[in-house]
Each structure stands twice: as C-alpha cells, then as structure tokens.
C-alpha atoms as a PDB file:
ATOM      1  CA  MET A   1     -53.639  -6.540 -55.243  1.00  0.00           C
ATOM      2  CA  ALA A   2     -55.523  -6.046 -58.523  1.00  0.00           C
ATOM      3  CA  ILE A   3     -58.618  -8.211 -59.019  1.00  0.00           C
ATOM      4  CA  PHE A   4     -58.817  -9.375 -62.619  1.00  0.00           C
ATOM      5  CA  GLU A   5     -61.906 -11.595 -62.314  1.00  0.00           C
ATOM      6  CA  THR A   6     -64.624 -10.863 -64.850  1.00  0.00           C
ATOM      7  CA  LYS A   7     -67.903 -12.270 -66.144  1.00  0.00           C
ATOM      8  CA  TYR A   8     -68.396 -13.161 -69.785  1.00  0.00           C
ATOM      9  CA  ALA A   9     -71.516 -14.716 -71.308  1.00  0.00           C
ATOM     10  CA  GLY A  10     -72.413 -16.254 -67.965  1.00  0.00           C
ATOM     11  CA  LEU A  11     -68.919 -17.633 -67.366  1.00  0.00           C
ATOM     12  CA  THR A  12     -66.531 -16.547 -64.614  1.00  0.00           C
ATOM     13  CA  LEU A  13     -62.989 -15.871 -65.834  1.00  0.00           C
ATOM     14  CA  LYS A  14     -59.947 -15.274 -63.652  1.00  0.00           C
ATOM     15  CA  ASN A  15     -58.994 -12.453 -66.011  1.00  0.00           C
ATOM     16  CA  PRO A  16     -60.429 -10.904 -69.208  1.00  0.00           C
ATOM     17  CA  LEU A  17     -57.716 -12.230 -71.543  1.00  0.00           C
ATOM     18  CA  ILE A  18     -59.008 -14.924 -73.926  1.00  0.00           C
ATOM     19  CA  ILE A  19     -56.958 -16.767 -76.541  1.00  0.00           C
ATOM     20  CA  GLY A  20     -58.961 -16.545 -79.758  1.00  0.00           C
ATOM     21  CA  SER A  21     -59.802 -19.447 -82.037  1.00  0.00           C
ATOM     22  CA  SER A  22     -56.739 -20.331 -84.110  1.00  0.00           C
ATOM     23  CA  GLY A  23     -54.008 -22.898 -84.669  1.00  0.00           C
ATOM     24  CA  LEU A  24     -52.721 -21.885 -81.236  1.00  0.00           C
ATOM     25  CA  THR A  25     -55.660 -23.693 -79.622  1.00  0.00           C
ATOM     26  CA  ASN A  26     -55.752 -26.824 -81.767  1.00  0.00           C
ATOM     27  CA  ASN A  27     -53.810 -28.980 -79.308  1.00  0.00           C
ATOM     28  CA  ALA A  28     -54.734 -29.902 -75.737  1.00  0.00           C
ATOM     29  CA  LYS A  29     -51.169 -29.753 -74.410  1.00  0.00           C
ATOM     30  CA  ASN A  30     -50.611 -26.349 -75.959  1.00  0.00           C
ATOM     31  CA  ASN A  31     -53.906 -25.168 -74.471  1.00  0.00           C
ATOM     32  CA  LYS A  32     -52.551 -26.138 -71.053  1.00  0.00           C
ATOM     33  CA  LYS A  33     -49.448 -24.036 -71.746  1.00  0.00           C
ATOM     34  CA  LEU A  34     -51.680 -21.081 -72.615  1.00  0.00           C
ATOM     35  CA  GLU A  35     -53.514 -21.523 -69.315  1.00  0.00           C
ATOM     36  CA  ASP A  36     -50.231 -21.744 -67.389  1.00  0.00           C
ATOM     37  CA  ALA A  37     -49.086 -18.539 -69.097  1.00  0.00           C
ATOM     38  CA  GLY A  38     -52.125 -16.767 -67.674  1.00  0.00           C
ATOM     39  CA  ALA A  39     -54.970 -17.007 -70.196  1.00  0.00           C
ATOM     40  CA  GLY A  40     -58.402 -16.513 -68.658  1.00  0.00           C
ATOM     41  CA  ALA A  41     -60.172 -18.707 -71.236  1.00  0.00           C
ATOM     42  CA  ILE A  42     -59.527 -20.469 -74.522  1.00  0.00           C
ATOM     43  CA  VAL A  43     -61.552 -20.606 -77.713  1.00  0.00           C
ATOM     44  CA  LEU A  44     -60.695 -23.812 -79.542  1.00  0.00           C
ATOM     45  CA  LYS A  45     -59.732 -23.705 -83.199  1.00  0.00           C
ATOM     46  CA  SER A  46     -62.863 -23.517 -85.305  1.00  0.00           C
ATOM     47  CA  LEU A  47     -64.414 -26.488 -86.986  1.00  0.00           C
ATOM     48  CA  PHE A  48     -65.053 -25.235 -90.515  1.00  0.00           C
ATOM     49  CA  GLU A  49     -68.261 -26.296 -92.231  1.00  0.00           C
ATOM     50  CA  GLU A  50     -66.898 -25.156 -95.590  1.00  0.00           C
ATOM     51  CA  GLN A  51     -63.668 -27.153 -95.165  1.00  0.00           C
ATOM     52  CA  ILE A  52     -65.494 -30.364 -94.270  1.00  0.00           C
ATOM     53  CA  ASN A  53     -67.769 -30.042 -97.291  1.00  0.00           C
ATOM     54  CA  MET A  54     -64.773 -29.381 -99.527  1.00  0.00           C
ATOM     55  CA  GLN A  55     -62.898 -32.461 -98.272  1.00  0.00           C
ATOM     56  CA  GLY A  56     -65.979 -34.572 -98.918  1.00  0.00           C
ATOM     57  CA  ASP A  57     -66.265 -33.226-102.465  1.00  0.00           C
ATOM     58  CA  VAL A  58     -62.598 -34.008-103.193  1.00  0.00           C
ATOM     59  CA  LEU A  59     -62.988 -37.622-102.064  1.00  0.00           C
ATOM     60  CA  MET A  60     -66.217 -37.934-103.999  1.00  0.00           C
ATOM     61  CA  GLN A  61     -64.501 -36.845-107.222  1.00  0.00           C
ATOM     62  CA  SER A  62     -62.005 -39.699-106.867  1.00  0.00           C
ATOM     63  CA  SER A  63     -64.804 -42.244-106.587  1.00  0.00           C
ATOM     64  CA  ASP A  64     -66.298 -44.134-109.547  1.00  0.00           C
ATOM     65  CA  PHE A  65     -69.601 -44.426-107.718  1.00  0.00           C
ATOM     66  CA  PRO A  66     -71.551 -41.141-107.654  1.00  0.00           C
ATOM     67  CA  GLU A  67     -74.256 -42.790-105.545  1.00  0.00           C
ATOM     68  CA  ALA A  68     -71.685 -42.995-102.730  1.00  0.00           C
ATOM     69  CA  ALA A  69     -71.582 -39.193-102.439  1.00  0.00           C
ATOM     70  CA  ASP A  70     -73.756 -38.977 -99.334  1.00  0.00           C
ATOM     71  CA  TYR A  71     -71.822 -41.750 -97.627  1.00  0.00           C
ATOM     72  CA  ILE A  72     -68.453 -40.107 -98.386  1.00  0.00           C
ATOM     73  CA  ARG A  73     -69.581 -36.706 -97.179  1.00  0.00           C
ATOM     74  CA  GLY A  74     -71.076 -38.275 -94.070  1.00  0.00           C
ATOM     75  CA  TYR A  75     -67.895 -40.222 -93.324  1.00  0.00           C
ATOM     76  CA  VAL A  76     -65.689 -37.113 -93.648  1.00  0.00           C
ATOM     77  CA  LYS A  77     -67.984 -35.089 -91.430  1.00  0.00           C
ATOM     78  CA  ALA A  78     -68.279 -37.793 -88.762  1.00  0.00           C
ATOM     79  CA  ASN A  79     -64.489 -38.205 -88.659  1.00  0.00           C
ATOM     80  CA  GLN A  80     -63.870 -34.465 -88.335  1.00  0.00           C
ATOM     81  CA  LEU A  81     -66.533 -34.101 -85.663  1.00  0.00           C
ATOM     82  CA  GLU A  82     -65.147 -36.928 -83.550  1.00  0.00           C
ATOM     83  CA  GLU A  83     -61.655 -35.406 -83.714  1.00  0.00           C
ATOM     84  CA  TYR A  84     -63.107 -32.130 -82.513  1.00  0.00           C
ATOM     85  CA  LEU A  85     -64.983 -33.736 -79.647  1.00  0.00           C
ATOM     86  CA  SER A  86     -61.747 -35.433 -78.613  1.00  0.00           C
ATOM     87  CA  LEU A  87     -59.994 -32.055 -78.591  1.00  0.00           C
ATOM     88  CA  ILE A  88     -62.665 -30.712 -76.233  1.00  0.00           C
ATOM     89  CA  ARG A  89     -62.410 -33.702 -73.888  1.00  0.00           C
ATOM     90  CA  GLU A  90     -58.610 -33.682 -73.806  1.00  0.00           C
ATOM     91  CA  THR A  91     -58.422 -29.924 -73.224  1.00  0.00           C
ATOM     92  CA  LYS A  92     -60.996 -30.100 -70.434  1.00  0.00           C
ATOM     93  CA  SER A  93     -59.043 -32.892 -68.776  1.00  0.00           C
ATOM     94  CA  LEU A  94     -55.932 -30.692 -68.642  1.00  0.00           C
ATOM     95  CA  CYS A  95     -57.319 -27.185 -68.152  1.00  0.00           C
ATOM     96  CA  THR A  96     -59.351 -25.577 -65.396  1.00  0.00           C
ATOM     97  CA  ILE A  97     -60.179 -22.343 -67.235  1.00  0.00           C
ATOM     98  CA  PRO A  98     -63.308 -22.109 -69.440  1.00  0.00           C
ATOM     99  CA  VAL A  99     -62.974 -23.899 -72.767  1.00  0.00           C
ATOM    100  CA  ILE A 100     -65.138 -22.439 -75.536  1.00  0.00           C
ATOM    101  CA  ALA A 101     -65.812 -24.515 -78.645  1.00  0.00           C
ATOM    102  CA  SER A 102     -65.973 -22.767 -82.016  1.00  0.00           C
ATOM    103  CA  ILE A 103     -67.864 -23.573 -85.207  1.00  0.00           C
ATOM    104  CA  ASN A 104     -67.364 -21.634 -88.418  1.00  0.00           C
ATOM    105  CA  CYS A 105     -70.681 -22.021 -90.197  1.00  0.00           C
ATOM    106  CA  TYR A 106     -72.980 -20.482 -92.780  1.00  0.00           C
ATOM    107  CA  LYS A 107     -76.049 -22.752 -92.795  1.00  0.00           C
ATOM    108  CA  ALA A 108     -78.777 -22.893 -90.185  1.00  0.00           C
ATOM    109  CA  ASN A 109     -79.248 -26.665 -90.193  1.00  0.00           C
ATOM    110  CA  ALA A 110     -75.679 -27.925 -90.444  1.00  0.00           C
ATOM    111  CA  TRP A 111     -74.519 -27.699 -86.833  1.00  0.00           C
ATOM    112  CA  ALA A 112     -77.528 -27.479 -84.540  1.00  0.00           C
ATOM    113  CA  GLU A 113     -77.527 -31.128 -83.466  1.00  0.00           C
ATOM    114  CA  PHE A 114     -73.735 -31.284 -83.251  1.00  0.00           C
ATOM    115  CA  ALA A 115     -73.850 -28.445 -80.733  1.00  0.00           C
ATOM    116  CA  GLN A 116     -75.442 -30.875 -78.291  1.00  0.00           C
ATOM    117  CA  GLN A 117     -72.473 -33.234 -78.639  1.00  0.00           C
ATOM    118  CA  ILE A 118     -70.160 -30.300 -78.015  1.00  0.00           C
ATOM    119  CA  GLU A 119     -71.938 -29.605 -74.739  1.00  0.00           C
ATOM    120  CA  GLU A 120     -71.823 -33.285 -73.752  1.00  0.00           C
ATOM    121  CA  ALA A 121     -68.080 -33.359 -74.474  1.00  0.00           C
ATOM    122  CA  GLY A 122     -67.597 -30.715 -71.776  1.00  0.00           C
ATOM    123  CA  ALA A 123     -67.352 -27.368 -73.558  1.00  0.00           C
ATOM    124  CA  ASP A 124     -68.267 -24.463 -71.285  1.00  0.00           C
ATOM    125  CA  ALA A 125     -69.733 -22.396 -74.126  1.00  0.00           C
ATOM    126  CA  ILE A 126     -69.913 -22.374 -77.899  1.00  0.00           C
ATOM    127  CA  GLU A 127     -68.814 -19.591 -80.236  1.00  0.00           C
ATOM    128  CA  LEU A 128     -70.576 -19.504 -83.600  1.00  0.00           C
ATOM    129  CA  ASN A 129     -68.498 -17.767 -86.226  1.00  0.00           C
ATOM    130  CA  VAL A 130     -71.117 -17.102 -88.889  1.00  0.00           C
ATOM    131  CA  PHE A 131     -68.777 -16.755 -91.809  1.00  0.00           C
ATOM    132  CA  TYR A 132     -70.706 -15.749 -94.894  1.00  0.00           C
ATOM    133  CA  LEU A 133     -69.764 -13.200 -97.526  1.00  0.00           C
ATOM    134  CA  CYS A 134     -72.913 -12.365 -99.463  1.00  0.00           C
ATOM    135  CA  THR A 135     -72.482 -11.341-103.116  1.00  0.00           C
ATOM    136  CA  ASP A 136     -75.984 -12.113-104.358  1.00  0.00           C
ATOM    137  CA  LEU A 137     -77.510  -9.021-105.937  1.00  0.00           C
ATOM    138  CA  ASP A 138     -81.004 -10.167-104.982  1.00  0.00           C
ATOM    139  CA  THR A 139     -80.267 -10.750-101.282  1.00  0.00           C
ATOM    140  CA  SER A 140     -81.508  -8.016 -98.968  1.00  0.00           C
ATOM    141  CA  PRO A 141     -79.752  -6.903 -95.767  1.00  0.00           C
ATOM    142  CA  ASN A 142     -82.662  -8.340 -93.775  1.00  0.00           C
ATOM    143  CA  GLU A 143     -81.936 -11.815 -95.153  1.00  0.00           C
ATOM    144  CA  MET A 144     -78.408 -11.634 -93.724  1.00  0.00           C
ATOM    145  CA  PHE A 145     -79.830 -10.681 -90.340  1.00  0.00           C
ATOM    146  CA  ASP A 146     -82.261 -13.564 -90.599  1.00  0.00           C
ATOM    147  CA  LEU A 147     -79.436 -16.022 -91.335  1.00  0.00           C
ATOM    148  CA  TYR A 148     -77.668 -15.134 -88.073  1.00  0.00           C
ATOM    149  CA  ILE A 149     -80.876 -15.329 -86.081  1.00  0.00           C
ATOM    150  CA  SER A 150     -81.896 -18.622 -87.678  1.00  0.00           C
ATOM    151  CA  ILE A 151     -78.591 -20.318 -86.829  1.00  0.00           C
ATOM    152  CA  LEU A 152     -78.701 -18.974 -83.281  1.00  0.00           C
ATOM    153  CA  LYS A 153     -82.283 -20.084 -82.624  1.00  0.00           C
ATOM    154  CA  LYS A 154     -81.731 -23.604 -83.910  1.00  0.00           C
ATOM    155  CA  VAL A 155     -78.547 -24.120 -81.912  1.00  0.00           C
ATOM    156  CA  LYS A 156     -80.217 -22.765 -78.754  1.00  0.00           C
ATOM    157  CA  LYS A 157     -82.852 -25.506 -79.017  1.00  0.00           C
ATOM    158  CA  TYR A 158     -80.238 -28.185 -78.456  1.00  0.00           C
ATOM    159  CA  ILE A 159     -77.971 -26.816 -75.728  1.00  0.00           C
ATOM    160  CA  THR A 160     -78.002 -25.076 -72.369  1.00  0.00           C
ATOM    161  CA  ILE A 161     -74.429 -23.745 -72.353  1.00  0.00           C
ATOM    162  CA  PRO A 162     -73.900 -20.092 -73.397  1.00  0.00           C
ATOM    163  CA  VAL A 163     -73.934 -19.276 -77.098  1.00  0.00           C
ATOM    164  CA  ILE A 164     -71.619 -16.527 -78.341  1.00  0.00           C
ATOM    165  CA  ILE A 165     -71.813 -15.083 -81.859  1.00  0.00           C
ATOM    166  CA  LYS A 166     -68.702 -13.847 -83.638  1.00  0.00           C
ATOM    167  CA  ILE A 167     -69.537 -11.338 -86.351  1.00  0.00           C
ATOM    168  CA  GLY A 168     -67.767  -9.333 -89.027  1.00  0.00           C
ATOM    169  CA  LYS A 169     -67.877  -5.616 -89.699  1.00  0.00           C
ATOM    170  CA  GLY A 170     -69.936  -5.870 -92.880  1.00  0.00           C
ATOM    171  CA  PHE A 171     -73.265  -4.707 -91.497  1.00  0.00           C
ATOM    172  CA  SER A 172     -74.910  -1.332 -91.933  1.00  0.00           C
ATOM    173  CA  ASN A 173     -76.309  -1.411 -88.378  1.00  0.00           C
ATOM    174  CA  ILE A 174     -74.142  -3.472 -86.056  1.00  0.00           C
ATOM    175  CA  PRO A 175     -75.916  -2.390 -82.828  1.00  0.00           C
ATOM    176  CA  ARG A 176     -79.246  -3.573 -84.251  1.00  0.00           C
ATOM    177  CA  LEU A 177     -77.744  -6.972 -85.046  1.00  0.00           C
ATOM    178  CA  ALA A 178     -76.272  -7.198 -81.544  1.00  0.00           C
ATOM    179  CA  ASN A 179     -79.643  -6.349 -80.031  1.00  0.00           C
ATOM    180  CA  GLN A 180     -81.473  -8.927 -82.147  1.00  0.00           C
ATOM    181  CA  LEU A 181     -78.942 -11.593 -81.212  1.00  0.00           C
ATOM    182  CA  HIS A 182     -79.419 -10.755 -77.544  1.00  0.00           C
ATOM    183  CA  LEU A 183     -83.216 -10.870 -77.843  1.00  0.00           C
ATOM    184  CA  HIS A 184     -82.989 -14.329 -79.405  1.00  0.00           C
ATOM    185  CA  GLY A 185     -80.802 -15.752 -76.673  1.00  0.00           C
ATOM    186  CA  ALA A 186     -77.154 -14.987 -77.462  1.00  0.00           C
ATOM    187  CA  GLU A 187     -75.215 -14.515 -74.247  1.00  0.00           C
ATOM    188  CA  GLY A 188     -72.225 -12.873 -75.896  1.00  0.00           C
ATOM    189  CA  ILE A 189     -70.860 -11.299 -79.058  1.00  0.00           C
ATOM    190  CA  VAL A 190     -67.302 -11.114 -80.431  1.00  0.00           C
ATOM    191  CA  LEU A 191     -66.171  -7.990 -82.306  1.00  0.00           C
ATOM    192  CA  PHE A 192     -64.845  -8.973 -84.852  1.00  0.00           C
ATOM    193  CA  ASN A 193     -63.914 -11.931 -87.033  1.00  0.00           C
ATOM    194  CA  ARG A 194     -61.553 -11.557 -89.976  1.00  0.00           C
ATOM    195  CA  TYR A 195     -62.501 -12.745 -93.418  1.00  0.00           C
ATOM    196  CA  TYR A 196     -59.922 -14.382 -95.645  1.00  0.00           C
ATOM    197  CA  ARG A 197     -58.080 -11.543 -97.369  1.00  0.00           C
ATOM    198  CA  PRO A 198     -57.087 -11.921-101.015  1.00  0.00           C
ATOM    199  CA  ASP A 199     -54.242 -10.126-102.727  1.00  0.00           C
ATOM    200  CA  ILE A 200     -52.921  -9.947-106.292  1.00  0.00           C
ATOM    201  CA  ASP A 201     -49.438 -10.853-107.449  1.00  0.00           C
ATOM    202  CA  ILE A 202     -48.877  -8.392-110.305  1.00  0.00           C
ATOM    203  CA  HIS A 203     -45.815 -10.294-111.545  1.00  0.00           C
ATOM    204  CA  LYS A 204     -47.375 -13.748-111.714  1.00  0.00           C
ATOM    205  CA  MET A 205     -50.768 -12.289-112.608  1.00  0.00           C
ATOM    206  CA  GLN A 206     -52.642 -14.379-110.101  1.00  0.00           C
ATOM    207  CA  LEU A 207     -54.654 -14.183-106.903  1.00  0.00           C
ATOM    208  CA  ILE A 208     -52.752 -14.924-103.707  1.00  0.00           C
ATOM    209  CA  SER A 209     -53.476 -14.897 -99.998  1.00  0.00           C
ATOM    210  CA  GLY A 210     -53.280 -11.512 -98.303  1.00  0.00           C
ATOM    211  CA  GLU A 211     -52.122 -10.675 -94.769  1.00  0.00           C
ATOM    212  CA  VAL A 212     -53.291 -13.333 -92.334  1.00  0.00           C
ATOM    213  CA  PHE A 213     -52.790 -11.416 -89.096  1.00  0.00           C
ATOM    214  CA  SER A 214     -54.686  -8.415 -87.851  1.00  0.00           C
ATOM    215  CA  SER A 215     -52.998  -5.026 -87.694  1.00  0.00           C
ATOM    216  CA  PRO A 216     -52.798  -2.601 -84.753  1.00  0.00           C
ATOM    217  CA  SER A 217     -54.715  -0.157 -86.970  1.00  0.00           C
ATOM    218  CA  ASP A 218     -57.729  -2.508 -86.781  1.00  0.00           C
ATOM    219  CA  LEU A 219     -58.170  -1.614 -83.119  1.00  0.00           C
ATOM    220  CA  SER A 220     -59.921   1.677 -83.889  1.00  0.00           C
ATOM    221  CA  ASP A 221     -62.995  -0.031 -85.354  1.00  0.00           C
ATOM    222  CA  THR A 222     -62.988  -2.523 -82.501  1.00  0.00           C
ATOM    223  CA  LEU A 223     -63.031   0.283 -79.932  1.00  0.00           C
ATOM    224  CA  ARG A 224     -65.736   2.229 -81.755  1.00  0.00           C
ATOM    225  CA  TRP A 225     -68.200  -0.651 -81.905  1.00  0.00           C
ATOM    226  CA  THR A 226     -67.335  -1.981 -78.462  1.00  0.00           C
ATOM    227  CA  ALA A 227     -68.178   1.415 -76.976  1.00  0.00           C
ATOM    228  CA  LEU A 228     -71.390   1.761 -78.977  1.00  0.00           C
ATOM    229  CA  ILE A 229     -72.747  -1.734 -78.353  1.00  0.00           C
ATOM    230  CA  SER A 230     -71.860  -1.717 -74.657  1.00  0.00           C
ATOM    231  CA  GLY A 231     -73.918   1.462 -74.405  1.00  0.00           C
ATOM    232  CA  PHE A 232     -76.845   0.554 -76.635  1.00  0.00           C
ATOM    233  CA  VAL A 233     -77.079  -3.171 -75.781  1.00  0.00           C
ATOM    234  CA  PRO A 234     -75.675  -3.371 -72.238  1.00  0.00           C
ATOM    235  CA  ALA A 235     -77.183  -6.801 -71.498  1.00  0.00           C
ATOM    236  CA  ILE A 236     -75.012  -8.682 -73.987  1.00  0.00           C
ATOM    237  CA  SER A 237     -71.436  -9.638 -73.096  1.00  0.00           C
ATOM    238  CA  ILE A 238     -68.727  -8.335 -75.398  1.00  0.00           C
ATOM    239  CA  ALA A 239     -65.370  -9.780 -76.338  1.00  0.00           C
ATOM    240  CA  SER A 240     -63.276  -7.256 -78.240  1.00  0.00           C
ATOM    241  CA  SER A 241     -61.057  -8.790 -80.889  1.00  0.00           C
ATOM    242  CA  CYS A 242     -59.010  -7.679 -83.888  1.00  0.00           C
ATOM    243  CA  GLY A 243     -56.082  -5.277 -83.578  1.00  0.00           C
ATOM    244  CA  VAL A 244     -55.165  -6.092 -79.951  1.00  0.00           C
ATOM    245  CA  TYR A 245     -51.382  -6.294 -79.646  1.00  0.00           C
ATOM    246  CA  GLN A 246     -50.272  -4.718 -76.347  1.00  0.00           C
ATOM    247  CA  TRP A 247     -51.575  -4.520 -72.778  1.00  0.00           C
ATOM    248  CA  GLU A 248     -52.627  -0.929 -73.403  1.00  0.00           C
ATOM    249  CA  ASP A 249     -54.990  -2.172 -76.112  1.00  0.00           C
ATOM    250  CA  ILE A 250     -56.702  -4.457 -73.607  1.00  0.00           C
ATOM    251  CA  VAL A 251     -57.187  -1.575 -71.174  1.00  0.00           C
ATOM    252  CA  LYS A 252     -58.677   0.534 -73.970  1.00  0.00           C
ATOM    253  CA  CYS A 253     -61.162  -2.216 -74.874  1.00  0.00           C
ATOM    254  CA  LEU A 254     -62.206  -2.634 -71.243  1.00  0.00           C
ATOM    255  CA  LEU A 255     -62.654   1.123 -70.843  1.00  0.00           C
ATOM    256  CA  ALA A 256     -64.819   1.096 -73.984  1.00  0.00           C
ATOM    257  CA  GLY A 257     -67.064  -1.511 -72.355  1.00  0.00           C
ATOM    258  CA  ALA A 258     -65.702  -4.952 -73.256  1.00  0.00           C
ATOM    259  CA  ASP A 259     -66.089  -7.758 -70.731  1.00  0.00           C
ATOM    260  CA  THR A 260     -63.167  -9.657 -72.226  1.00  0.00           C
ATOM    261  CA  VAL A 261     -60.579  -9.293 -74.967  1.00  0.00           C
ATOM    262  CA  GLN A 262     -59.521 -11.983 -77.427  1.00  0.00           C
ATOM    263  CA  ILE A 263     -55.938 -12.095 -78.643  1.00  0.00           C
ATOM    264  CA  CYS A 264     -54.385 -14.167 -81.392  1.00  0.00           C
ATOM    265  CA  SER A 265     -52.085 -12.377 -83.856  1.00  0.00           C
ATOM    266  CA  THR A 266     -49.916 -10.923 -81.100  1.00  0.00           C
ATOM    267  CA  VAL A 267     -49.308 -14.401 -79.641  1.00  0.00           C
ATOM    268  CA  TYR A 268     -48.277 -15.677 -83.050  1.00  0.00           C
ATOM    269  CA  LYS A 269     -45.888 -12.767 -83.551  1.00  0.00           C
ATOM    270  CA  ASN A 270     -44.550 -12.309 -80.008  1.00  0.00           C
ATOM    271  CA  GLY A 271     -44.854 -15.768 -78.520  1.00  0.00           C
ATOM    272  CA  ILE A 272     -46.722 -17.083 -75.508  1.00  0.00           C
ATOM    273  CA  GLY A 273     -44.694 -14.789 -73.228  1.00  0.00           C
ATOM    274  CA  ILE A 274     -46.863 -11.864 -74.342  1.00  0.00           C
ATOM    275  CA  ILE A 275     -49.659 -13.198 -72.106  1.00  0.00           C
ATOM    276  CA  PRO A 276     -47.983 -12.679 -68.695  1.00  0.00           C
ATOM    277  CA  GLU A 277     -46.440  -9.464 -70.059  1.00  0.00           C
ATOM    278  CA  MET A 278     -49.916  -8.136 -70.836  1.00  0.00           C
ATOM    279  CA  LEU A 279     -51.291  -9.101 -67.431  1.00  0.00           C
ATOM    280  CA  LYS A 280     -48.344  -7.444 -65.714  1.00  0.00           C
ATOM    281  CA  GLY A 281     -48.895  -4.255 -67.716  1.00  0.00           C
ATOM    282  CA  ILE A 282     -52.601  -4.137 -66.846  1.00  0.00           C
ATOM    283  CA  GLU A 283     -51.873  -4.717 -63.173  1.00  0.00           C
ATOM    284  CA  GLY A 284     -49.289  -1.922 -63.165  1.00  0.00           C
ATOM    285  CA  TRP A 285     -51.759   0.459 -64.783  1.00  0.00           C
ATOM    286  CA  MET A 286     -54.478  -0.477 -62.287  1.00  0.00           C
ATOM    287  CA  ASN A 287     -52.132   0.137 -59.363  1.00  0.00           C
ATOM    288  CA  GLU A 288     -51.104   3.482 -60.838  1.00  0.00           C
ATOM    289  CA  THR A 289     -54.706   4.591 -61.405  1.00  0.00           C
ATOM    290  CA  LYS A 290     -55.920   3.164 -58.065  1.00  0.00           C
ATOM    291  CA  TYR A 291     -58.401   0.734 -59.574  1.00  0.00           C
ATOM    292  CA  ARG A 292     -58.773  -2.383 -57.459  1.00  0.00           C
ATOM    293  CA  SER A 293     -60.797  -4.441 -59.925  1.00  0.00           C
ATOM    294  CA  VAL A 294     -61.604  -4.613 -63.625  1.00  0.00           C
ATOM    295  CA  SER A 295     -65.279  -3.992 -62.863  1.00  0.00           C
ATOM    296  CA  GLU A 296     -64.416  -0.538 -61.451  1.00  0.00           C
ATOM    297  CA  PHE A 297     -63.226   0.841 -64.768  1.00  0.00           C
ATOM    298  CA  ARG A 298     -65.030  -1.315 -67.324  1.00  0.00           C
ATOM    299  CA  GLY A 299     -67.116   0.933 -69.566  1.00  0.00           C
ATOM    300  CA  LYS A 300     -65.803   4.189 -68.122  1.00  0.00           C
ATOM    301  CA  LEU A 301     -65.407   5.461 -71.687  1.00  0.00           C
ATOM    302  CA  SER A 302     -68.349   3.750 -73.387  1.00  0.00           C
ATOM    303  CA  VAL A 303     -70.777   5.818 -75.436  1.00  0.00           C
ATOM    304  CA  CYS A 304     -72.872   6.308 -72.281  1.00  0.00           C
ATOM    305  CA  ASN A 305     -70.036   7.537 -70.080  1.00  0.00           C
ATOM    306  CA  ALA A 306     -67.518   9.292 -72.335  1.00  0.00           C
ATOM    307  CA  GLU A 307     -67.256  13.063 -72.032  1.00  0.00           C
ATOM    308  CA  ASN A 308     -67.609  13.465 -75.801  1.00  0.00           C
ATOM    309  CA  PRO A 309     -69.483  10.335 -77.007  1.00  0.00           C
ATOM    310  CA  SER A 310     -70.149  11.826 -80.452  1.00  0.00           C
ATOM    311  CA  MET A 311     -66.553  10.972 -81.364  1.00  0.00           C
ATOM    312  CA  TYR A 312     -67.561   7.299 -81.540  1.00  0.00           C
ATOM    313  CA  GLU A 313     -70.215   8.082 -84.146  1.00  0.00           C
ATOM    314  CA  ARG A 314     -68.245  10.599 -86.182  1.00  0.00           C
ATOM    315  CA  SER A 315     -67.678   9.235 -89.676  1.00  0.00           C
ATOM    316  CA  GLN A 316     -66.190  12.220 -91.478  1.00  0.00           C
ATOM    317  CA  PHE A 317     -62.808  13.905 -91.169  1.00  0.00           C
ATOM    318  CA  MET A 318     -64.039  17.340 -92.237  1.00  0.00           C
ATOM    319  CA  LYS A 319     -64.711  18.812 -88.803  1.00  0.00           C
ATOM    320  CA  TYR A 320     -61.525  17.370 -87.375  1.00  0.00           C
ATOM    321  CA  PHE A 321     -59.292  18.849 -90.043  1.00  0.00           C
ATOM    322  CA  SER A 322     -61.166  22.150 -90.266  1.00  0.00           C
ATOM    323  CA  ASP A 323     -60.319  22.747 -86.609  1.00  0.00           C
ATOM    324  CA  LYS A 324     -56.596  22.299 -87.286  1.00  0.00           C
ATOM    325  CA  LYS A 325     -54.532  25.384 -87.932  1.00  0.00           C
END
C-alpha cells in the first residue's frame, strides 16, 4: 500500500495535497467536506489587508465626522478579524487535518500582533501572502526583498507556529529570496501566488477583470522554480502551486522537489471529486513504478538530481530549435 504521508513546514500531513486559500475554504462545513474527500491540509481563505482598509474608507466617506475615521477603520478591522478567528475555531472543531491561516498583506506592522490571535484560535500554521505590486520608479529591488523579510521577522516575534510565505514570480532572483526567507525563520514557501489580472474590453473601452483561474500552462514555471529552490535551498519546505490540474501534475511537482502541492482552480472547475481522483491516480502511478512512499521519489528530478539540470535554467529557445531538423 502506498504511503502518502509527508512533512511540510514542520507539519505532518497524511498526503501532500493541500487545498489552497480561496472561496472553497471560507466555510467550516465545506472545509470538513474537503477533508472527507481526501485533502491533506487546508489553507483558509485569505484575510485581505487591502480589502479591510477599503471597507473602512467607504464607511468613513459616508460619515459627517472626519474625526471618527480611526474609530470606523478600527471597528471594520476588529469585526473582520473576529469573523476570521471564528472560521479558524469552527474549522478546527470539525477537521483533524492541519488548518493553515492565510493573511494577504503588504505592510510590516499591520498583522504582526493579529498573528498571535490566529495561533491562539488554533491554527496549525500561518501563510503570509505578501501581495504587493511595486510600480515606484525610485524603489530598488532590495527594498522589495526587505519588505518580505520585515513582515516575516515581525510576525515571527509573536508566534511559535510555522510561518509560510507565499510569493509571486516577479523577482529577478527567486532562489535568493527563498534563502533569505529561510535564514530569517520561514519554515515554508509557496510557489506561486497569482496577482489580479486585468483585461481590456475593446468594445466598451474599459478595464475589466481577466482570467481568475490558473492555466495548465502555468505549471512549467512552477516546476522550474520548485526544482531550483529544492536544490539550492533544501532546508525550506516547498508547496508547489499554480497550474496544477491533474494527478500527473502533482507527481511532477513532487519529482521536482516539492513537499506538498496546493490546488484550487481544478477544484473550482472539476468539483470536489477531483481530490480522490488525484489521490487514486498518484497511488496507481506509485504502484506501477514500485515506489512505496512519497519520500522515495520526492526530488528525484530536482536540479541536484536530474540527468540534465541545465534545462531548468535554460531561458532561450535558440539551442532547442537549432537542434531540430
């Protein structure tokens, strides 16, 4: 019988399949259904710093008393935070698998103290989705690195549960960032988050929302960086995310060096039944290839173990196409 158990950021999971932060995980009863379907862990829907601030600003605009601004913002934040803590408590009361809280933040001071309340509510770990798109011409790449490190260090002061950082692809040296996060106490890293994607309606001449879900074509970048980071920064746990749709994709991520794999878009599109289907597919592959446990094949094709590791670092098509006849 295949052994799916794996370690991730200091947590023990019955299998490497994690349901990523989304509307799927915003309800305790639904989280129990995800566990019953076979999920190894759940990341709760993110609490958005930007959204809370925006709601406070909207209420403030409807007030005739500008001096009440701080009170209004504080009330909105306290209400949102208490709802989130209730979600953690209710989910923990129903589920036995690890429950990972998630905060979508972009300021170092905003969530450090709240992280302690998250731990007290029963969360097994916290995932910080540092969601910040920098467009300032005077901001250097080092300042963006410093923002991530600053948020991590301040949160680590308040909690003892594992801290996981979810990052985007917009860095010139992703392995360096992963290494710095590890050196400053991050137990895990998620590759990758997805920024809001705009589109343009050429008929109405206006900006609209682009595709919400990831695409299977996104998996290539996920595999590349999973393989590189697992080789260059082996001490940090990796959750591969973005572009994972089928059980084969999960196997690929594990072979590249991931400890776990987060899924979201495929559950939205295919329903909760995709979870047991994926687990069945992985088990069948493991039986066929004679692997008894996930640990036996994890990282077999990372940058350190692949027969031709240079393929992970190749950035140009020229050599590939010049070899074709």
